[in-house]
Amino acid sequence: MLLTTTPTIEGHTIKEYKGIVTSETIIGANFIKDIAAGLRDFFGGRSGAYEKVLIEAKNTSMRELEERALALGANAIVGIDVDYETMGDTNSILMVAMSGTAVVI
């Protein structure tokens, strides 16, 4: 399956639009990751623990987007939009939401 954030795929003609597909992944970061991230925030640097959680959430959401497009009979998704949000009292719940248009090329 071809996936792109652009509205078209160079060298391919969109033959059929199957519809909008969406996916959402909500994942919690645990207490230890919160402490490590707090220290990184205070001292500076990247939070590898949170990055791994974000990558996991993004990959899960992308797989679900593909599955939903395949269920519609699509072989590509164009115009993919990815949004990241934090939720919860301490912002320790992470959400990745994706949407795009399932198409046949």
C-alpha atoms as a PDB file:
ATOM      1  CA  MET A   1       0.000   0.000   0.000  1.00  0.00           C
ATOM      2  CA  LEU A   2       1.292   3.438  -0.919  1.00  0.00           C
ATOM      3  CA  LEU A   3       0.984   6.059   1.821  1.00  0.00           C
ATOM      4  CA  THR A   4       1.552   9.773   1.341  1.00  0.00           C
ATOM      5  CA  THR A   5       0.807  13.110   2.919  1.00  0.00           C
ATOM      6  CA  THR A   6       0.399  14.661  -0.526  1.00  0.00           C
ATOM      7  CA  PRO A   7      -2.998  14.772  -2.301  1.00  0.00           C
ATOM      8  CA  THR A   8      -1.678  12.855  -5.324  1.00  0.00           C
ATOM      9  CA  ILE A   9       0.967  10.252  -6.080  1.00  0.00           C
ATOM     10  CA  GLU A  10       3.351  11.283  -8.824  1.00  0.00           C
ATOM     11  CA  GLY A  11       3.251   8.899 -11.756  1.00  0.00           C
ATOM     12  CA  HIS A  12      -0.092   7.373 -10.680  1.00  0.00           C
ATOM     13  CA  THR A  13      -3.639   8.294 -11.556  1.00  0.00           C
ATOM     14  CA  ILE A  14      -6.278   7.970  -8.872  1.00  0.00           C
ATOM     15  CA  LYS A  15      -8.923   5.703 -10.417  1.00  0.00           C
ATOM     16  CA  GLU A  16     -11.363   5.617  -7.517  1.00  0.00           C
ATOM     17  CA  TYR A  17     -11.897   7.372  -4.202  1.00  0.00           C
ATOM     18  CA  LYS A  18     -13.007   4.935  -1.498  1.00  0.00           C
ATOM     19  CA  GLY A  19     -13.520   7.426   1.320  1.00  0.00           C
ATOM     20  CA  ILE A  20     -11.923   8.957   4.369  1.00  0.00           C
ATOM     21  CA  VAL A  21     -10.144   6.640   6.774  1.00  0.00           C
ATOM     22  CA  THR A  22      -9.190   7.527  10.339  1.00  0.00           C
ATOM     23  CA  SER A  23      -7.368   5.949  13.240  1.00  0.00           C
ATOM     24  CA  GLU A  24      -6.677   6.952  16.803  1.00  0.00           C
ATOM     25  CA  THR A  25      -4.203   5.472  19.233  1.00  0.00           C
ATOM     26  CA  ILE A  26      -4.203   6.454  22.891  1.00  0.00           C
ATOM     27  CA  ILE A  27      -1.324   5.201  24.982  1.00  0.00           C
ATOM     28  CA  GLY A  28      -0.284   5.937  28.543  1.00  0.00           C
ATOM     29  CA  ALA A  29       3.250   6.624  29.652  1.00  0.00           C
ATOM     30  CA  ASN A  30       4.005   5.067  33.007  1.00  0.00           C
ATOM     31  CA  PHE A  31       5.199   6.700  36.225  1.00  0.00           C
ATOM     32  CA  ILE A  32       8.897   5.901  35.662  1.00  0.00           C
ATOM     33  CA  LYS A  33       8.821   7.485  32.201  1.00  0.00           C
ATOM     34  CA  ASP A  34       7.159  10.559  33.716  1.00  0.00           C
ATOM     35  CA  ILE A  35       9.993  10.925  36.238  1.00  0.00           C
ATOM     36  CA  ALA A  36      12.679  10.435  33.578  1.00  0.00           C
ATOM     37  CA  ALA A  37      10.966  12.937  31.285  1.00  0.00           C
ATOM     38  CA  GLY A  38      10.712  15.435  34.142  1.00  0.00           C
ATOM     39  CA  LEU A  39      14.448  15.152  34.756  1.00  0.00           C
ATOM     40  CA  ARG A  40      15.151  15.573  31.045  1.00  0.00           C
ATOM     41  CA  ASP A  41      12.886  18.629  31.024  1.00  0.00           C
ATOM     42  CA  PHE A  42      14.773  20.116  33.981  1.00  0.00           C
ATOM     43  CA  PHE A  43      18.308  19.280  32.816  1.00  0.00           C
ATOM     44  CA  GLY A  44      17.685  19.319  29.063  1.00  0.00           C
ATOM     45  CA  GLY A  45      17.995  16.583  26.484  1.00  0.00           C
ATOM     46  CA  ARG A  46      15.741  14.156  24.707  1.00  0.00           C
ATOM     47  CA  SER A  47      13.397  11.741  26.418  1.00  0.00           C
ATOM     48  CA  GLY A  48      14.054   8.389  24.797  1.00  0.00           C
ATOM     49  CA  ALA A  49      11.272   6.733  26.798  1.00  0.00           C
ATOM     50  CA  TYR A  50       8.631   9.150  25.530  1.00  0.00           C
ATOM     51  CA  GLU A  51      10.020   8.994  21.995  1.00  0.00           C
ATOM     52  CA  LYS A  52       9.616   5.203  22.002  1.00  0.00           C
ATOM     53  CA  VAL A  53       6.019   5.546  23.197  1.00  0.00           C
ATOM     54  CA  LEU A  54       5.265   8.116  20.478  1.00  0.00           C
ATOM     55  CA  ILE A  55       6.808   5.912  17.789  1.00  0.00           C
ATOM     56  CA  GLU A  56       4.783   2.924  19.031  1.00  0.00           C
ATOM     57  CA  ALA A  57       1.562   4.978  18.969  1.00  0.00           C
ATOM     58  CA  LYS A  58       2.318   6.365  15.488  1.00  0.00           C
ATOM     59  CA  ASN A  59       3.096   2.915  14.071  1.00  0.00           C
ATOM     60  CA  THR A  60      -0.063   1.435  15.605  1.00  0.00           C
ATOM     61  CA  SER A  61      -2.197   4.241  14.206  1.00  0.00           C
ATOM     62  CA  MET A  62      -0.608   3.887  10.758  1.00  0.00           C
ATOM     63  CA  ARG A  63      -1.287   0.112  10.728  1.00  0.00           C
ATOM     64  CA  GLU A  64      -4.929   0.728  11.649  1.00  0.00           C
ATOM     65  CA  LEU A  65      -5.235   3.366   8.911  1.00  0.00           C
ATOM     66  CA  GLU A  66      -3.903   0.852   6.362  1.00  0.00           C
ATOM     67  CA  GLU A  67      -6.236  -1.903   7.604  1.00  0.00           C
ATOM     68  CA  ARG A  68      -9.267   0.373   7.277  1.00  0.00           C
ATOM     69  CA  ALA A  69      -8.240   1.400   3.762  1.00  0.00           C
ATOM     70  CA  LEU A  70      -7.706  -2.233   2.742  1.00  0.00           C
ATOM     71  CA  ALA A  71     -11.169  -3.093   4.087  1.00  0.00           C
ATOM     72  CA  LEU A  72     -12.581  -0.499   1.667  1.00  0.00           C
ATOM     73  CA  GLY A  73     -10.681  -2.054  -1.253  1.00  0.00           C
ATOM     74  CA  ALA A  74      -8.058   0.697  -1.500  1.00  0.00           C
ATOM     75  CA  ASN A  75      -4.412   0.228  -2.423  1.00  0.00           C
ATOM     76  CA  ALA A  76      -3.193   3.694  -1.391  1.00  0.00           C
ATOM     77  CA  ILE A  77      -3.924   6.490   1.060  1.00  0.00           C
ATOM     78  CA  VAL A  78      -3.368  10.117   0.074  1.00  0.00           C
ATOM     79  CA  GLY A  79      -3.466  13.318   2.101  1.00  0.00           C
ATOM     80  CA  ILE A  80      -2.471  11.664   5.367  1.00  0.00           C
ATOM     81  CA  ASP A  81      -2.604  14.031   8.337  1.00  0.00           C
ATOM     82  CA  VAL A  82      -0.957  13.126  11.653  1.00  0.00           C
ATOM     83  CA  ASP A  83      -1.824  14.861  14.923  1.00  0.00           C
ATOM     84  CA  TYR A  84      -0.211  14.349  18.313  1.00  0.00           C
ATOM     85  CA  GLU A  85      -1.930  15.359  21.564  1.00  0.00           C
ATOM     86  CA  THR A  86      -1.364  14.903  25.279  1.00  0.00           C
ATOM     87  CA  MET A  87      -4.227  14.128  27.598  1.00  0.00           C
ATOM     88  CA  GLY A  88      -4.893  13.508  31.267  1.00  0.00           C
ATOM     89  CA  ASP A  89      -4.269  15.482  34.439  1.00  0.00           C
ATOM     90  CA  THR A  90      -0.495  15.198  34.104  1.00  0.00           C
ATOM     91  CA  ASN A  91      -0.407  15.059  30.289  1.00  0.00           C
ATOM     92  CA  SER A  92       0.974  11.515  30.532  1.00  0.00           C
ATOM     93  CA  ILE A  93      -1.528  10.040  28.098  1.00  0.00           C
ATOM     94  CA  LEU A  94      -0.480  10.428  24.485  1.00  0.00           C
ATOM     95  CA  MET A  95      -2.804  10.325  21.486  1.00  0.00           C
ATOM     96  CA  VAL A  96      -1.963   9.986  17.826  1.00  0.00           C
ATOM     97  CA  ALA A  97      -4.812  10.627  15.398  1.00  0.00           C
ATOM     98  CA  MET A  98      -4.477  10.082  11.648  1.00  0.00           C
ATOM     99  CA  SER A  99      -6.740  10.630   8.695  1.00  0.00           C
ATOM    100  CA  GLY A 100      -6.426  10.321   4.962  1.00  0.00           C
ATOM    101  CA  THR A 101      -8.304   9.424   1.802  1.00  0.00           C
ATOM    102  CA  ALA A 102      -8.361   5.779   0.729  1.00  0.00           C
ATOM    103  CA  VAL A 103      -7.969   5.469  -3.044  1.00  0.00           C
ATOM    104  CA  VAL A 104      -7.366   2.989  -5.827  1.00  0.00           C
ATOM    105  CA  ILE A 105      -4.486   3.813  -8.136  1.00  0.00           C
END
